[in-house]
């Protein structure tokens, strides 16, 4: 008999919730600049300070339009 959820099931459920949140944001109608700002604001809420710093630094490079910003997709 199974009790509770496995880690994989919990991760899948959390992923579905995240996709729903993104869909609601997109349905709201946001432009690219607003998407970047939302990413920045969510990053500021992270508990892991190092992750927060890395993400906000990347966002700041994107906002500045710097050609030296690392590319996430190549």
PDB file of N, CA and C in Angstrom:
ATOM      1  N   UNK A   1       0.840  -1.178   0.000  1.00  0.00           N
ATOM      2  CA  UNK A   1       0.000   0.000   0.000  1.00  0.00           C
ATOM      3  C   UNK A   1       0.887   1.244   0.000  1.00  0.00           C
ATOM      4  N   UNK A   2       0.509   2.221  -0.766  1.00  0.00           N
ATOM      5  CA  UNK A   2       1.309   3.427  -0.918  1.00  0.00           C
ATOM      6  C   UNK A   2       0.729   4.556  -0.063  1.00  0.00           C
ATOM      7  N   UNK A   3       1.606   5.250   0.640  1.00  0.00           N
ATOM      8  CA  UNK A   3       1.192   6.396   1.454  1.00  0.00           C
ATOM      9  C   UNK A   3       1.907   7.641   0.966  1.00  0.00           C
ATOM     10  N   UNK A   4       1.166   8.715   0.706  1.00  0.00           N
ATOM     11  CA  UNK A   4       1.789   9.958   0.281  1.00  0.00           C
ATOM     12  C   UNK A   4       2.283   9.910  -1.154  1.00  0.00           C
ATOM     13  N   UNK A   5       3.086  10.891  -1.480  1.00  0.00           N
ATOM     14  CA  UNK A   5       3.626  11.018  -2.835  1.00  0.00           C
ATOM     15  C   UNK A   5       5.118  10.724  -2.841  1.00  0.00           C
ATOM     16  N   UNK A   6       5.575  10.222  -3.970  1.00  0.00           N
ATOM     17  CA  UNK A   6       7.010  10.047  -4.140  1.00  0.00           C
ATOM     18  C   UNK A   6       7.620  11.413  -4.462  1.00  0.00           C
ATOM     19  N   UNK A   7       8.937  11.491  -4.404  1.00  0.00           N
ATOM     20  CA  UNK A   7       9.617  12.739  -4.757  1.00  0.00           C
ATOM     21  C   UNK A   7       9.322  13.138  -6.196  1.00  0.00           C
ATOM     22  N   UNK A   8       9.300  12.148  -7.082  1.00  0.00           N
ATOM     23  CA  UNK A   8       9.030  12.425  -8.496  1.00  0.00           C
ATOM     24  C   UNK A   8       7.616  12.962  -8.686  1.00  0.00           C
ATOM     25  N   UNK A   9       6.665  12.396  -7.963  1.00  0.00           N
ATOM     26  CA  UNK A   9       5.279  12.875  -8.055  1.00  0.00           C
ATOM     27  C   UNK A   9       5.149  14.297  -7.524  1.00  0.00           C
ATOM     28  N   UNK A  10       5.820  14.586  -6.422  1.00  0.00           N
ATOM     29  CA  UNK A  10       5.796  15.950  -5.863  1.00  0.00           C
ATOM     30  C   UNK A  10       6.430  16.942  -6.837  1.00  0.00           C
ATOM     31  N   UNK A  11       7.551  16.548  -7.429  1.00  0.00           N
ATOM     32  CA  UNK A  11       8.230  17.423  -8.389  1.00  0.00           C
ATOM     33  C   UNK A  11       7.346  17.682  -9.604  1.00  0.00           C
ATOM     34  N   UNK A  12       6.660  16.654 -10.080  1.00  0.00           N
ATOM     35  CA  UNK A  12       5.771  16.802 -11.238  1.00  0.00           C
ATOM     36  C   UNK A  12       4.615  17.732 -10.898  1.00  0.00           C
ATOM     37  N   UNK A  13       4.042  17.574  -9.719  1.00  0.00           N
ATOM     38  CA  UNK A  13       2.935  18.425  -9.291  1.00  0.00           C
ATOM     39  C   UNK A  13       3.381  19.883  -9.155  1.00  0.00           C
ATOM     40  N   UNK A  14       4.573  20.097  -8.582  1.00  0.00           N
ATOM     41  CA  UNK A  14       5.105  21.453  -8.460  1.00  0.00           C
ATOM     42  C   UNK A  14       5.353  22.070  -9.828  1.00  0.00           C
ATOM     43  N   UNK A  15       5.828  21.271 -10.766  1.00  0.00           N
ATOM     44  CA  UNK A  15       6.079  21.749 -12.121  1.00  0.00           C
ATOM     45  C   UNK A  15       4.777  22.176 -12.797  1.00  0.00           C
ATOM     46  N   UNK A  16       3.718  21.411 -12.591  1.00  0.00           N
ATOM     47  CA  UNK A  16       2.415  21.765 -13.158  1.00  0.00           C
ATOM     48  C   UNK A  16       1.941  23.099 -12.598  1.00  0.00           C
ATOM     49  N   UNK A  17       2.100  23.295 -11.297  1.00  0.00           N
ATOM     50  CA  UNK A  17       1.696  24.560 -10.673  1.00  0.00           C
ATOM     51  C   UNK A  17       2.502  25.713 -11.262  1.00  0.00           C
ATOM     52  N   UNK A  18       3.802  25.516 -11.442  1.00  0.00           N
ATOM     53  CA  UNK A  18       4.646  26.564 -12.022  1.00  0.00           C
ATOM     54  C   UNK A  18       4.196  26.916 -13.436  1.00  0.00           C
ATOM     55  N   UNK A  19       3.871  25.907 -14.226  1.00  0.00           N
ATOM     56  CA  UNK A  19       3.397  26.158 -15.595  1.00  0.00           C
ATOM     57  C   UNK A  19       2.092  26.941 -15.591  1.00  0.00           C
ATOM     58  N   UNK A  20       1.213  26.644 -14.632  1.00  0.00           N
ATOM     59  CA  UNK A  20      -0.051  27.370 -14.521  1.00  0.00           C
ATOM     60  C   UNK A  20       0.187  28.834 -14.175  1.00  0.00           C
ATOM     61  N   UNK A  21       1.142  29.088 -13.296  1.00  0.00           N
ATOM     62  CA  UNK A  21       1.478  30.467 -12.931  1.00  0.00           C
ATOM     63  C   UNK A  21       1.995  31.220 -14.145  1.00  0.00           C
ATOM     64  N   UNK A  22       2.896  30.589 -14.890  1.00  0.00           N
ATOM     65  CA  UNK A  22       3.439  31.221 -16.098  1.00  0.00           C
ATOM     66  C   UNK A  22       2.326  31.492 -17.096  1.00  0.00           C
ATOM     67  N   UNK A  23       1.434  30.538 -17.274  1.00  0.00           N
ATOM     68  CA  UNK A  23       0.323  30.725 -18.212  1.00  0.00           C
ATOM     69  C   UNK A  23      -0.543  31.918 -17.810  1.00  0.00           C
ATOM     70  N   UNK A  24      -0.803  32.058 -16.514  1.00  0.00           N
ATOM     71  CA  UNK A  24      -1.607  33.191 -16.050  1.00  0.00           C
ATOM     72  C   UNK A  24      -0.892  34.513 -16.305  1.00  0.00           C
ATOM     73  N   UNK A  25       0.412  34.537 -16.108  1.00  0.00           N
ATOM     74  CA  UNK A  25       1.183  35.747 -16.396  1.00  0.00           C
ATOM     75  C   UNK A  25       1.110  36.074 -17.880  1.00  0.00           C
ATOM     76  N   UNK A  26       1.273  35.052 -18.717  1.00  0.00           N
ATOM     77  CA  UNK A  26       1.230  35.275 -20.162  1.00  0.00           C
ATOM     78  C   UNK A  26      -0.164  35.699 -20.606  1.00  0.00           C
ATOM     79  N   UNK A  27      -1.206  35.127 -20.007  1.00  0.00           N
ATOM     80  CA  UNK A  27      -2.577  35.505 -20.337  1.00  0.00           C
ATOM     81  C   UNK A  27      -2.860  36.956 -19.942  1.00  0.00           C
ATOM     82  N   UNK A  28      -2.156  37.429 -18.929  1.00  0.00           N
ATOM     83  CA  UNK A  28      -2.334  38.801 -18.476  1.00  0.00           C
ATOM     84  C   UNK A  28      -1.876  39.782 -19.554  1.00  0.00           C
ATOM     85  N   UNK A  29      -0.934  39.351 -20.364  1.00  0.00           N
ATOM     86  CA  UNK A  29      -0.445  40.175 -21.463  1.00  0.00           C
ATOM     87  C   UNK A  29       0.726  41.044 -21.031  1.00  0.00           C
ATOM     88  N   UNK A  30       1.896  40.463 -21.031  1.00  0.00           N
ATOM     89  CA  UNK A  30       3.094  41.200 -20.628  1.00  0.00           C
ATOM     90  C   UNK A  30       4.065  41.263 -21.799  1.00  0.00           C
ATOM     91  N   UNK A  31       4.815  42.353 -21.859  1.00  0.00           N
ATOM     92  CA  UNK A  31       5.817  42.476 -22.912  1.00  0.00           C
ATOM     93  C   UNK A  31       7.156  41.920 -22.423  1.00  0.00           C
ATOM     94  N   UNK A  32       8.151  41.906 -23.301  1.00  0.00           N
ATOM     95  CA  UNK A  32       9.451  41.311 -22.960  1.00  0.00           C
ATOM     96  C   UNK A  32      10.105  42.004 -21.769  1.00  0.00           C
ATOM     97  N   UNK A  33      10.042  43.315 -21.724  1.00  0.00           N
ATOM     98  CA  UNK A  33      10.647  44.058 -20.606  1.00  0.00           C
ATOM     99  C   UNK A  33       9.990  43.669 -19.284  1.00  0.00           C
ATOM    100  N   UNK A  34       8.672  43.512 -19.305  1.00  0.00           N
ATOM    101  CA  UNK A  34       7.961  43.117 -18.095  1.00  0.00           C
ATOM    102  C   UNK A  34       8.313  41.694 -17.675  1.00  0.00           C
ATOM    103  N   UNK A  35       8.492  40.811 -18.637  1.00  0.00           N
ATOM    104  CA  UNK A  35       8.900  39.436 -18.310  1.00  0.00           C
ATOM    105  C   UNK A  35      10.247  39.435 -17.594  1.00  0.00           C
ATOM    106  N   UNK A  36      11.186  40.207 -18.108  1.00  0.00           N
ATOM    107  CA  UNK A  36      12.511  40.300 -17.474  1.00  0.00           C
ATOM    108  C   UNK A  36      12.388  40.857 -16.063  1.00  0.00           C
ATOM    109  N   UNK A  37      11.559  41.870 -15.881  1.00  0.00           N
ATOM    110  CA  UNK A  37      11.371  42.460 -14.553  1.00  0.00           C
ATOM    111  C   UNK A  37      10.719  41.454 -13.604  1.00  0.00           C
ATOM    112  N   UNK A  38       9.778  40.683 -14.087  1.00  0.00           N
ATOM    113  CA  UNK A  38       9.144  39.653 -13.254  1.00  0.00           C
ATOM    114  C   UNK A  38      10.178  38.619 -12.820  1.00  0.00           C
ATOM    115  N   UNK A  39      11.027  38.205 -13.749  1.00  0.00           N
ATOM    116  CA  UNK A  39      12.098  37.253 -13.412  1.00  0.00           C
ATOM    117  C   UNK A  39      12.984  37.840 -12.322  1.00  0.00           C
ATOM    118  N   UNK A  40      13.332  39.108 -12.463  1.00  0.00           N
ATOM    119  CA  UNK A  40      14.173  39.783 -11.469  1.00  0.00           C
ATOM    120  C   UNK A  40      13.491  39.811 -10.102  1.00  0.00           C
ATOM    121  N   UNK A  41      12.221  40.178 -10.079  1.00  0.00           N
ATOM    122  CA  UNK A  41      11.505  40.272  -8.805  1.00  0.00           C
ATOM    123  C   UNK A  41      11.343  38.909  -8.140  1.00  0.00           C
ATOM    124  N   UNK A  42      11.085  37.877  -8.928  1.00  0.00           N
ATOM    125  CA  UNK A  42      10.985  36.531  -8.363  1.00  0.00           C
ATOM    126  C   UNK A  42      12.346  36.082  -7.834  1.00  0.00           C
ATOM    127  N   UNK A  43      13.408  36.397  -8.553  1.00  0.00           N
ATOM    128  CA  UNK A  43      14.759  36.036  -8.098  1.00  0.00           C
ATOM    129  C   UNK A  43      15.072  36.669  -6.748  1.00  0.00           C
ATOM    130  N   UNK A  44      14.603  37.878  -6.539  1.00  0.00           N
ATOM    131  CA  UNK A  44      14.846  38.552  -5.267  1.00  0.00           C
ATOM    132  C   UNK A  44      14.169  37.846  -4.095  1.00  0.00           C
ATOM    133  N   UNK A  45      13.209  36.990  -4.375  1.00  0.00           N
ATOM    134  CA  UNK A  45      12.503  36.242  -3.334  1.00  0.00           C
ATOM    135  C   UNK A  45      13.160  34.899  -3.001  1.00  0.00           C
ATOM    136  N   UNK A  46      14.212  34.536  -3.732  1.00  0.00           N
ATOM    137  CA  UNK A  46      14.873  33.255  -3.487  1.00  0.00           C
ATOM    138  C   UNK A  46      15.547  33.226  -2.123  1.00  0.00           C
ATOM    139  N   UNK A  47      15.507  32.077  -1.488  1.00  0.00           N
ATOM    140  CA  UNK A  47      16.174  31.902  -0.198  1.00  0.00           C
ATOM    141  C   UNK A  47      17.680  31.755  -0.368  1.00  0.00           C
ATOM    142  N   UNK A  48      18.103  31.116  -1.458  1.00  0.00           N
ATOM    143  CA  UNK A  48      19.525  30.911  -1.709  1.00  0.00           C
ATOM    144  C   UNK A  48      20.127  32.203  -2.265  1.00  0.00           C
ATOM    145  N   UNK A  49      20.928  32.855  -1.459  1.00  0.00           N
ATOM    146  CA  UNK A  49      21.489  34.155  -1.820  1.00  0.00           C
ATOM    147  C   UNK A  49      22.355  34.090  -3.078  1.00  0.00           C
ATOM    148  N   UNK A  50      23.134  33.027  -3.205  1.00  0.00           N
ATOM    149  CA  UNK A  50      24.013  32.891  -4.372  1.00  0.00           C
ATOM    150  C   UNK A  50      23.206  32.759  -5.657  1.00  0.00           C
ATOM    151  N   UNK A  51      22.133  31.976  -5.618  1.00  0.00           N
ATOM    152  CA  UNK A  51      21.265  31.855  -6.787  1.00  0.00           C
ATOM    153  C   UNK A  51      20.638  33.200  -7.128  1.00  0.00           C
ATOM    154  N   UNK A  52      20.186  33.908  -6.104  1.00  0.00           N
ATOM    155  CA  UNK A  52      19.584  35.216  -6.300  1.00  0.00           C
ATOM    156  C   UNK A  52      20.560  36.172  -6.975  1.00  0.00           C
ATOM    157  N   UNK A  53      21.783  36.186  -6.506  1.00  0.00           N
ATOM    158  CA  UNK A  53      22.794  37.088  -7.072  1.00  0.00           C
ATOM    159  C   UNK A  53      23.074  36.721  -8.525  1.00  0.00           C
ATOM    160  N   UNK A  54      23.256  35.433  -8.818  1.00  0.00           N
ATOM    161  CA  UNK A  54      23.538  35.024 -10.196  1.00  0.00           C
ATOM    162  C   UNK A  54      22.407  35.414 -11.146  1.00  0.00           C
ATOM    163  N   UNK A  55      21.183  35.185 -10.731  1.00  0.00           N
ATOM    164  CA  UNK A  55      20.051  35.493 -11.601  1.00  0.00           C
ATOM    165  C   UNK A  55      19.894  36.996 -11.779  1.00  0.00           C
ATOM    166  N   UNK A  56      19.985  37.761 -10.704  1.00  0.00           N
ATOM    167  CA  UNK A  56      19.810  39.213 -10.838  1.00  0.00           C
ATOM    168  C   UNK A  56      20.952  39.844 -11.635  1.00  0.00           C
ATOM    169  N   UNK A  57      22.157  39.303 -11.517  1.00  0.00           N
ATOM    170  CA  UNK A  57      23.256  39.811 -12.344  1.00  0.00           C
ATOM    171  C   UNK A  57      22.978  39.567 -13.817  1.00  0.00           C
ATOM    172  N   UNK A  58      22.473  38.380 -14.143  1.00  0.00           N
ATOM    173  CA  UNK A  58      22.123  38.060 -15.528  1.00  0.00           C
ATOM    174  C   UNK A  58      21.025  38.998 -16.028  1.00  0.00           C
ATOM    175  N   UNK A  59      20.014  39.207 -15.210  1.00  0.00           N
ATOM    176  CA  UNK A  59      18.919  40.099 -15.595  1.00  0.00           C
ATOM    177  C   UNK A  59      19.450  41.515 -15.833  1.00  0.00           C
ATOM    178  N   UNK A  60      20.339  41.970 -14.987  1.00  0.00           N
ATOM    179  CA  UNK A  60      20.899  43.312 -15.161  1.00  0.00           C
ATOM    180  C   UNK A  60      21.690  43.412 -16.461  1.00  0.00           C
ATOM    181  N   UNK A  61      22.423  42.368 -16.810  1.00  0.00           N
ATOM    182  CA  UNK A  61      23.132  42.365 -18.091  1.00  0.00           C
ATOM    183  C   UNK A  61      22.151  42.428 -19.263  1.00  0.00           C
ATOM    184  N   UNK A  62      21.077  41.686 -19.145  1.00  0.00           N
ATOM    185  CA  UNK A  62      20.059  41.705 -20.204  1.00  0.00           C
ATOM    186  C   UNK A  62      19.438  43.089 -20.306  1.00  0.00           C
ATOM    187  N   UNK A  63      19.119  43.689 -19.163  1.00  0.00           N
ATOM    188  CA  UNK A  63      18.513  45.025 -19.156  1.00  0.00           C
ATOM    189  C   UNK A  63      19.442  46.053 -19.797  1.00  0.00           C
ATOM    190  N   UNK A  64      20.728  45.900 -19.566  1.00  0.00           N
ATOM    191  CA  UNK A  64      21.703  46.832 -20.132  1.00  0.00           C
ATOM    192  C   UNK A  64      21.931  46.571 -21.616  1.00  0.00           C
ATOM    193  N   UNK A  65      21.475  45.433 -22.108  1.00  0.00           N
ATOM    194  CA  UNK A  65      21.676  45.087 -23.505  1.00  0.00           C
ATOM    195  C   UNK A  65      23.117  44.750 -23.812  1.00  0.00           C
ATOM    196  N   UNK A  66      23.813  44.250 -22.808  1.00  0.00           N
ATOM    197  CA  UNK A  66      25.230  43.947 -22.951  1.00  0.00           C
ATOM    198  C   UNK A  66      25.441  42.753 -23.873  1.00  0.00           C
ATOM    199  N   UNK A  67      26.353  42.888 -24.848  1.00  0.00           N
ATOM    200  CA  UNK A  67      26.702  41.775 -25.728  1.00  0.00           C
ATOM    201  C   UNK A  67      27.575  40.755 -25.011  1.00  0.00           C
ATOM    202  N   UNK A  68      28.100  41.132 -23.842  1.00  0.00           N
ATOM    203  CA  UNK A  68      28.976  40.217 -23.129  1.00  0.00           C
ATOM    204  C   UNK A  68      28.203  39.273 -22.219  1.00  0.00           C
ATOM    205  N   UNK A  69      26.862  39.362 -22.201  1.00  0.00           N
ATOM    206  CA  UNK A  69      26.102  38.487 -21.329  1.00  0.00           C
ATOM    207  C   UNK A  69      26.160  37.057 -21.843  1.00  0.00           C
ATOM    208  N   UNK A  70      26.343  36.116 -20.930  1.00  0.00           N
ATOM    209  CA  UNK A  70      26.372  34.703 -21.341  1.00  0.00           C
ATOM    210  C   UNK A  70      25.029  34.319 -21.938  1.00  0.00           C
ATOM    211  N   UNK A  71      25.065  33.480 -22.952  1.00  0.00           N
ATOM    212  CA  UNK A  71      23.843  33.033 -23.608  1.00  0.00           C
ATOM    213  C   UNK A  71      23.350  31.747 -22.966  1.00  0.00           C
ATOM    214  N   UNK A  72      22.069  31.677 -22.650  1.00  0.00           N
ATOM    215  CA  UNK A  72      21.507  30.480 -22.070  1.00  0.00           C
ATOM    216  C   UNK A  72      21.290  29.407 -23.121  1.00  0.00           C
ATOM    217  N   UNK A  73      20.902  29.811 -24.323  1.00  0.00           N
ATOM    218  CA  UNK A  73      20.696  28.880 -25.422  1.00  0.00           C
ATOM    219  C   UNK A  73      21.616  29.264 -26.571  1.00  0.00           C
ATOM    220  N   UNK A  74      22.236  28.283 -27.187  1.00  0.00           N
ATOM    221  CA  UNK A  74      23.131  28.581 -28.311  1.00  0.00           C
ATOM    222  C   UNK A  74      22.654  27.915 -29.566  1.00  0.00           C
TER     223      UNK A  74
END
